[in-house]
Amino acid sequence: MKIWFQIAADTVGAATDAASTNPISRLLINFHVDTERFVAQVLAILIVFVALWLFASKPILKTMDERRKKISDGLEYAEEMKQKLAEAEKRQAEIMKEAALEAKRISEDAQAKARELVDRSAAETARRNEEMVARTREALELERKQMVSEVREQVSRLVAITSSKVLQRELSAEEKTRFANASLKEIAQQ
């Protein structure tokens, strides 16, 4: 590397003698620029630049590309999740709608069963009432028959008693016939 500095210094020194009329040379001389150091600094900067380019910028660019890709993937993932969320919300709305319909159907079924139960209970109550009325009528009919039977027995006894009292008395034949016919009619009607 020292050789490069020496070559650059010799070139600048020779150029200073030959080109003292050159405006750049005069400018360098006026500002007291040491050409050897200037060339060395330019070369050092170039070397640092090349080293940074080779060893630092490539990893940095690679890292930036990786981050850019991660950000891009993250944005794609976020967009995908937004779509999935929208789909999930849509499915949830559909499920809620189906659940509401199912609840309505269950409620209607329950109401129908309740109405059916009430109707059956009412029919059972009406049937029992009819049975009670029928039994009551039967009991009343039986009681009426018993009463009629008792009344007939009493009428027959009264007729017999009356007949015996009347027969103890002397009746004319016409009274006896009329009395017998009336008793027969009365007994027949009962």
Protein backbone atom coordinates (compact mmCIF):
# COMPACT_ATOMS: atom_id res chain seq x y z
CA MET A 1 0.00 0.00 0.00
CA LYS A 2 2.93 2.23 0.66
CA ILE A 3 3.83 1.81 -2.98
CA TRP A 4 0.52 3.29 -4.05
CA PHE A 5 1.10 6.30 -1.87
CA GLN A 6 4.60 6.74 -3.27
CA ILE A 7 3.37 6.52 -6.88
CA ALA A 8 0.61 9.01 -6.18
CA ALA A 9 3.01 11.40 -4.43
CA ASP A 10 5.53 11.23 -7.27
CA THR A 11 2.81 11.88 -9.80
CA VAL A 12 1.53 14.86 -7.87
CA GLY A 13 5.07 16.25 -7.25
CA ALA A 14 5.97 16.01 -10.93
CA ALA A 15 2.70 17.56 -11.87
CA THR A 16 3.29 20.43 -9.45
CA ASP A 17 6.57 21.38 -11.12
CA ALA A 18 5.31 21.03 -14.65
CA ALA A 19 1.86 22.44 -14.15
CA SER A 20 2.35 25.36 -11.83
CA THR A 21 0.23 27.26 -14.24
CA ASN A 22 -2.60 24.79 -13.87
CA PRO A 23 -5.42 26.43 -11.84
CA ILE A 24 -6.14 23.27 -9.81
CA SER A 25 -2.49 22.97 -8.88
CA ARG A 26 -2.41 26.59 -7.81
CA LEU A 27 -5.55 26.06 -5.78
CA LEU A 28 -4.00 23.08 -4.02
CA ILE A 29 -0.84 25.04 -3.31
CA ASN A 30 -2.74 28.11 -2.08
CA PHE A 31 -4.82 26.03 0.36
CA HIS A 32 -1.81 24.08 1.49
CA VAL A 33 -3.23 20.74 0.50
CA ASP A 34 -0.79 17.95 0.99
CA THR A 35 -1.36 15.81 -2.07
CA GLU A 36 0.18 12.68 -0.58
CA ARG A 37 -2.17 12.77 2.36
CA PHE A 38 -5.10 13.75 0.14
CA VAL A 39 -4.55 10.78 -2.18
CA ALA A 40 -4.05 8.48 0.83
CA GLN A 41 -7.28 9.70 2.39
CA VAL A 42 -9.19 9.26 -0.90
CA LEU A 43 -7.81 5.73 -1.22
CA ALA A 44 -8.66 4.99 2.44
CA ILE A 45 -12.20 6.27 1.93
CA LEU A 46 -12.53 4.15 -1.20
CA ILE A 47 -11.25 1.09 0.65
CA VAL A 48 -13.63 1.73 3.54
CA PHE A 49 -16.47 2.29 1.08
CA VAL A 50 -15.70 -0.97 -0.76
CA ALA A 51 -15.37 -2.84 2.55
CA LEU A 52 -18.62 -1.38 3.82
CA TRP A 53 -20.28 -2.21 0.52
CA LEU A 54 -19.08 -5.78 0.58
CA PHE A 55 -19.37 -6.58 4.27
CA ALA A 56 -21.96 -4.21 5.69
CA SER A 57 -24.35 -3.14 2.97
CA LYS A 58 -25.11 -6.64 1.68
CA PRO A 59 -26.13 -7.94 5.14
CA ILE A 60 -28.00 -4.71 5.79
CA LEU A 61 -29.77 -4.95 2.43
CA LYS A 62 -30.44 -8.61 3.08
CA THR A 63 -31.87 -7.76 6.51
CA MET A 64 -33.95 -4.95 5.00
CA ASP A 65 -35.26 -7.33 2.32
CA GLU A 66 -36.10 -9.89 5.00
CA ARG A 67 -37.89 -7.22 7.05
CA ARG A 68 -39.67 -5.93 3.96
CA LYS A 69 -40.77 -9.51 3.22
CA LYS A 70 -41.88 -10.01 6.85
CA ILE A 71 -43.85 -6.76 6.73
CA SER A 72 -45.38 -7.80 3.41
CA ASP A 73 -46.20 -11.24 4.80
CA GLY A 74 -47.62 -9.60 7.93
CA LEU A 75 -49.83 -7.32 5.84
CA GLU A 76 -50.98 -10.27 3.73
CA TYR A 77 -51.66 -12.23 6.92
CA ALA A 78 -53.57 -9.29 8.39
CA GLU A 79 -55.64 -9.02 5.20
CA GLU A 80 -56.25 -12.77 5.28
CA MET A 81 -57.29 -12.54 8.93
CA LYS A 82 -59.66 -9.67 8.08
CA GLN A 83 -61.27 -11.88 5.44
CA LYS A 84 -61.44 -14.82 7.84
CA LEU A 85 -62.91 -12.55 10.52
CA ALA A 86 -65.53 -11.30 8.06
CA GLU A 87 -66.32 -14.89 7.11
CA ALA A 88 -66.48 -15.90 10.77
CA GLU A 89 -68.81 -12.99 11.54
CA LYS A 90 -70.95 -13.98 8.57
CA ARG A 91 -71.04 -17.61 9.76
CA GLN A 92 -71.81 -16.42 13.28
CA ALA A 93 -74.70 -14.33 11.95
CA GLU A 94 -75.98 -17.34 10.00
CA ILE A 95 -75.66 -19.56 13.06
CA MET A 96 -77.45 -16.98 15.21
CA LYS A 97 -80.20 -16.74 12.58
CA GLU A 98 -80.52 -20.54 12.49
CA ALA A 99 -80.53 -20.64 16.29
CA ALA A 100 -83.27 -18.01 16.40
CA LEU A 101 -85.31 -19.99 13.88
CA GLU A 102 -84.72 -23.18 15.87
CA ALA A 103 -85.73 -21.42 19.09
CA LYS A 104 -88.86 -20.11 17.39
CA ARG A 105 -89.68 -23.61 16.10
CA ILE A 106 -89.11 -25.11 19.56
CA SER A 107 -91.28 -22.41 21.11
CA GLU A 108 -94.03 -23.07 18.57
CA ASP A 109 -93.76 -26.81 19.19
CA ALA A 110 -93.97 -26.23 22.93
CA GLN A 111 -97.01 -24.00 22.47
CA ALA A 112 -98.66 -26.59 20.22
CA LYS A 113 -97.97 -29.34 22.77
CA ALA A 114 -99.32 -27.11 25.53
CA ARG A 115 -102.47 -26.44 23.49
CA GLU A 116 -102.78 -30.17 22.80
CA LEU A 117 -102.37 -30.92 26.51
CA VAL A 118 -104.98 -28.29 27.40
CA ASP A 119 -107.33 -29.69 24.76
CA ARG A 120 -106.80 -33.24 26.02
CA SER A 121 -107.35 -32.08 29.60
CA ALA A 122 -110.50 -30.27 28.56
CA ALA A 123 -111.73 -33.34 26.65
CA GLU A 124 -110.92 -35.58 29.63
CA THR A 125 -112.74 -33.20 31.95
CA ALA A 126 -115.73 -33.09 29.60
CA ARG A 127 -115.71 -36.91 29.38
CA ARG A 128 -115.60 -37.20 33.18
CA ASN A 129 -118.39 -34.65 33.50
CA GLU A 130 -120.48 -36.61 30.99
CA GLU A 131 -119.78 -39.82 32.92
CA MET A 132 -120.80 -38.13 36.16
CA VAL A 133 -123.97 -36.78 34.52
CA ALA A 134 -124.73 -40.25 33.10
CA ARG A 135 -124.15 -41.90 36.50
CA THR A 136 -126.28 -39.23 38.15
CA ARG A 137 -129.05 -39.83 35.59
CA GLU A 138 -128.80 -43.56 36.13
CA ALA A 139 -128.95 -43.05 39.88
CA LEU A 140 -131.91 -40.72 39.48
CA GLU A 141 -133.66 -43.19 37.17
CA LEU A 142 -133.02 -46.01 39.61
CA GLU A 143 -134.28 -43.88 42.47
CA ARG A 144 -137.36 -42.90 40.44
CA LYS A 145 -138.05 -46.54 39.65
CA GLN A 146 -137.68 -47.42 43.33
CA MET A 147 -140.01 -44.59 44.26
CA VAL A 148 -142.55 -45.67 41.63
CA SER A 149 -142.25 -49.22 42.89
CA GLU A 150 -142.78 -48.06 46.47
CA VAL A 151 -145.72 -45.89 45.42
CA ARG A 152 -147.30 -48.85 43.60
CA GLU A 153 -146.82 -51.01 46.64
CA GLN A 154 -148.43 -48.36 48.83
CA VAL A 155 -151.27 -47.80 46.34
CA SER A 156 -151.82 -51.53 46.14
CA ARG A 157 -151.93 -51.74 49.93
CA LEU A 158 -154.29 -48.80 50.09
CA VAL A 159 -156.47 -50.35 47.41
CA ALA A 160 -156.45 -53.61 49.28
CA ILE A 161 -157.31 -51.90 52.55
CA THR A 162 -159.96 -49.79 50.89
CA SER A 163 -161.30 -52.81 49.06
CA SER A 164 -161.50 -54.83 52.21
CA LYS A 165 -163.36 -52.02 54.00
CA VAL A 166 -165.66 -51.54 51.06
CA LEU A 167 -166.21 -55.25 50.74
CA GLN A 168 -167.16 -55.48 54.36
CA ARG A 169 -169.97 -53.22 53.57
CA GLU A 170 -172.71 -54.41 51.39
CA LEU A 171 -172.29 -53.09 47.88
CA SER A 172 -174.60 -53.34 45.05
CA ALA A 173 -173.51 -55.37 42.11
CA GLU A 174 -173.15 -52.28 40.04
CA GLU A 175 -170.80 -50.64 42.62
CA LYS A 176 -168.74 -53.76 42.89
CA THR A 177 -168.22 -53.89 39.11
CA ARG A 178 -167.42 -50.23 38.86
CA PHE A 179 -165.03 -50.44 41.80
CA ALA A 180 -163.25 -53.50 40.34
CA ASN A 181 -162.91 -51.86 36.92
CA ALA A 182 -161.48 -48.64 38.43
CA SER A 183 -158.96 -50.63 40.46
CA LEU A 184 -157.89 -52.59 37.40
CA LYS A 185 -157.44 -49.40 35.36
CA GLU A 186 -155.46 -47.80 38.13
CA ILE A 187 -153.16 -50.75 38.53
CA ALA A 188 -152.68 -50.99 34.75
CA GLN A 189 -151.66 -47.35 34.52
CA GLN A 190 -148.98 -47.72 37.15
